[in-house]
Amino acid sequence: MRNLIEYTKTKADLDYLTLTSLVHIKPDSGQIKQKQLDDIYDRLFGTSGKAWNSPDNLVIDDIDAEAHKCLGVASGVKFECKVVLSIAIRLAAERFMLAKINNPNLVFDDSQTKELVEHFEARFPNDRKAITTLQSVLLMTPENIHLNAFMYEPIVDLSDEHLTKLYNEVKALK
């Protein structure tokens, strides 16, 4: 949806910015509710409906909850878990880096995760464990998760175990 809005409107569109706040940690990321996703969907596709059972749930909390559920799923081709884990890994990595860097004036527009990793490496060059984990985040989780056939490949090629291990490593960063 975010890419459709980018192409049909602009990156300055409020719906685009809201969806960006769900794939990168932004000041409003923890305030976006499921109902807002419904509203964006309805505006984009000209529909009217209620997709979420709990429209007041925070989307970020639901992403984390779904990622946690994926940890208990048996290994195999569970594409939906790979997508959820990939998003959750990037969000958790960004939360960690932003908390550690602790600079409220630090803002990135595009490629935020990559830019944060570069800033983190420059600021904390001796934190090799964190840097190694963060480099794995960049390598294993795509910056843009497009839901079309030719863009699935990076996620499909990864094993469930690799994503689960990386998710746990990122969540354990201090």
Protein backbone atom coordinates (compact mmCIF):
# COMPACT_ATOMS: atom_id res chain seq x y z
CA MET A 1 0.00 0.00 0.00
CA ARG A 2 2.82 2.37 0.86
CA ASN A 3 4.40 1.97 -2.57
CA LEU A 4 1.07 2.45 -4.33
CA ILE A 5 0.58 5.70 -2.42
CA GLU A 6 4.13 6.77 -3.26
CA TYR A 7 3.51 6.21 -6.98
CA THR A 8 -0.02 7.62 -7.16
CA LYS A 9 0.52 10.54 -4.79
CA THR A 10 3.87 11.45 -3.18
CA LYS A 11 6.11 10.59 -0.29
CA ALA A 12 4.68 13.68 1.43
CA ASP A 13 1.17 12.17 1.53
CA LEU A 14 -0.04 11.62 5.10
CA ASP A 15 -1.03 8.01 4.41
CA TYR A 16 2.45 7.30 3.01
CA LEU A 17 4.02 8.85 6.11
CA THR A 18 1.76 6.83 8.41
CA LEU A 19 2.69 3.57 6.67
CA THR A 20 6.36 4.55 6.81
CA SER A 21 5.96 4.84 10.58
CA LEU A 22 4.99 1.18 10.63
CA VAL A 23 8.13 -0.07 8.88
CA HIS A 24 10.55 2.36 10.57
CA ILE A 25 10.55 3.75 14.09
CA LYS A 26 9.28 7.32 13.87
CA PRO A 27 7.87 9.57 16.62
CA ASP A 28 4.30 8.43 15.89
CA SER A 29 5.02 4.70 15.36
CA GLY A 30 3.66 3.69 18.76
CA GLN A 31 0.41 5.62 18.31
CA ILE A 32 -0.97 4.23 15.04
CA LYS A 33 -4.09 2.14 15.51
CA GLN A 34 -5.54 -0.63 13.39
CA LYS A 35 -8.47 1.62 12.43
CA GLN A 36 -6.03 3.98 10.75
CA LEU A 37 -4.88 1.12 8.54
CA ASP A 38 -8.49 0.42 7.60
CA ASP A 39 -8.97 4.08 6.73
CA ILE A 40 -5.83 4.15 4.57
CA TYR A 41 -6.91 0.96 2.81
CA ASP A 42 -10.39 2.36 2.19
CA ARG A 43 -9.03 5.62 0.77
CA LEU A 44 -6.54 3.84 -1.45
CA PHE A 45 -8.87 1.17 -2.82
CA GLY A 46 -12.24 2.98 -2.62
CA THR A 47 -13.70 0.48 -0.19
CA SER A 48 -15.46 0.82 3.11
CA GLY A 49 -15.13 -1.85 5.69
CA LYS A 50 -13.76 -2.92 8.99
CA ALA A 51 -10.96 -5.43 8.70
CA TRP A 52 -9.76 -5.50 12.30
CA ASN A 53 -11.52 -7.08 15.24
CA SER A 54 -9.82 -4.63 17.59
CA PRO A 55 -9.60 -1.31 15.72
CA ASP A 56 -8.09 0.47 18.73
CA ASN A 57 -5.13 -1.92 18.96
CA LEU A 58 -1.76 -0.33 18.27
CA VAL A 59 -0.28 -1.74 15.07
CA ILE A 60 3.27 -1.86 16.45
CA ASP A 61 2.07 -3.95 19.39
CA ASP A 62 0.27 -6.30 17.02
CA ILE A 63 3.40 -6.66 14.86
CA ASP A 64 5.41 -7.62 17.95
CA ALA A 65 2.67 -10.03 19.11
CA GLU A 66 2.48 -11.71 15.70
CA ALA A 67 6.27 -12.01 15.53
CA HIS A 68 6.26 -13.66 18.95
CA LYS A 69 3.61 -16.14 17.73
CA CYS A 70 5.84 -16.96 14.74
CA LEU A 71 8.58 -18.11 17.10
CA GLY A 72 6.41 -21.06 18.12
CA VAL A 73 5.43 -22.10 14.59
CA ALA A 74 6.96 -25.31 13.27
CA SER A 75 9.66 -24.89 10.65
CA GLY A 76 8.70 -25.03 7.02
CA VAL A 77 7.47 -22.69 4.37
CA LYS A 78 5.59 -20.16 6.48
CA PHE A 79 5.87 -17.13 4.25
CA GLU A 80 3.59 -14.95 6.38
CA CYS A 81 5.83 -15.54 9.41
CA LYS A 82 8.91 -14.65 7.38
CA VAL A 83 7.33 -11.32 6.40
CA VAL A 84 6.22 -10.55 9.95
CA LEU A 85 9.59 -11.53 11.43
CA SER A 86 11.46 -9.46 8.84
CA ILE A 87 9.43 -6.36 9.71
CA ALA A 88 9.68 -7.02 13.46
CA ILE A 89 13.45 -7.56 13.24
CA ARG A 90 14.00 -4.21 11.54
CA LEU A 91 11.72 -2.41 14.00
CA ALA A 92 13.45 -3.99 16.99
CA ALA A 93 16.88 -3.14 15.56
CA GLU A 94 15.83 0.48 15.02
CA ARG A 95 14.38 0.70 18.56
CA PHE A 96 17.67 -0.57 19.96
CA MET A 97 19.84 1.78 17.92
CA LEU A 98 17.69 4.85 18.56
CA ALA A 99 17.67 4.17 22.31
CA LYS A 100 21.42 3.61 22.40
CA ILE A 101 22.26 6.63 20.20
CA ASN A 102 19.79 8.73 22.22
CA ASN A 103 19.72 11.70 19.87
CA PRO A 104 16.18 13.02 19.27
CA ASN A 105 17.44 15.23 16.45
CA LEU A 106 18.61 12.24 14.41
CA VAL A 107 16.18 11.83 11.51
CA PHE A 108 16.46 9.78 8.35
CA ASP A 109 14.10 9.87 5.39
CA ASP A 110 15.03 6.88 3.24
CA SER A 111 16.94 3.71 4.07
CA GLN A 112 16.57 4.50 7.77
CA THR A 113 17.78 1.14 9.07
CA LYS A 114 20.94 1.27 6.95
CA GLU A 115 21.62 4.87 7.95
CA LEU A 116 21.11 4.04 11.63
CA VAL A 117 23.50 1.09 11.40
CA GLU A 118 26.16 3.30 9.83
CA HIS A 119 25.65 5.94 12.53
CA PHE A 120 25.72 3.26 15.25
CA GLU A 121 28.96 1.77 13.91
CA ALA A 122 30.62 5.19 13.87
CA ARG A 123 29.43 6.03 17.36
CA PHE A 124 30.00 2.62 19.01
CA PRO A 125 32.85 0.98 17.06
CA ASN A 126 33.79 -1.30 19.97
CA ASP A 127 30.33 -2.85 20.34
CA ARG A 128 31.23 -5.67 17.95
CA LYS A 129 28.42 -8.01 19.06
CA ALA A 130 25.73 -5.42 18.34
CA ILE A 131 27.38 -4.36 15.08
CA THR A 132 27.57 -7.96 13.88
CA THR A 133 23.89 -8.49 14.69
CA LEU A 134 22.88 -5.22 13.04
CA GLN A 135 24.87 -6.09 9.91
CA SER A 136 22.95 -9.39 9.82
CA VAL A 137 19.71 -7.41 9.98
CA LEU A 138 20.74 -5.47 6.87
CA LEU A 139 21.81 -8.63 5.09
CA MET A 140 18.92 -10.91 5.99
CA THR A 141 15.88 -8.64 6.03
CA PRO A 142 15.01 -6.64 2.93
CA GLU A 143 14.70 -2.87 3.22
CA ASN A 144 11.51 -2.96 1.16
CA ILE A 145 9.21 -5.93 1.49
CA HIS A 146 7.20 -5.91 -1.71
CA LEU A 147 4.41 -8.42 -1.89
CA ASN A 148 4.83 -9.50 -5.48
CA ALA A 149 6.40 -12.60 -6.93
CA PHE A 150 9.84 -11.38 -7.93
CA MET A 151 10.53 -9.63 -4.60
CA TYR A 152 9.74 -12.66 -2.41
CA GLU A 153 13.04 -14.32 -3.13
CA PRO A 154 15.20 -12.83 -0.35
CA ILE A 155 12.72 -13.88 2.32
CA VAL A 156 11.83 -17.23 0.75
CA ASP A 157 15.49 -18.20 0.52
CA LEU A 158 16.05 -17.68 4.24
CA SER A 159 15.23 -20.50 6.59
CA ASP A 160 12.75 -19.95 9.40
CA GLU A 161 15.53 -20.80 11.83
CA HIS A 162 17.76 -17.98 10.55
CA LEU A 163 15.03 -15.36 10.96
CA THR A 164 14.01 -16.70 14.38
CA LYS A 165 17.62 -16.69 15.55
CA LEU A 166 18.16 -13.14 14.27
CA TYR A 167 14.93 -11.93 15.87
CA ASN A 168 16.04 -13.35 19.21
CA GLU A 169 19.52 -11.82 18.84
CA VAL A 170 18.09 -8.37 18.07
CA LYS A 171 15.64 -8.57 20.97
CA ALA A 172 18.53 -9.49 23.30
CA LEU A 173 20.64 -6.45 22.39
CA LYS A 174 21.28 -4.15 25.35
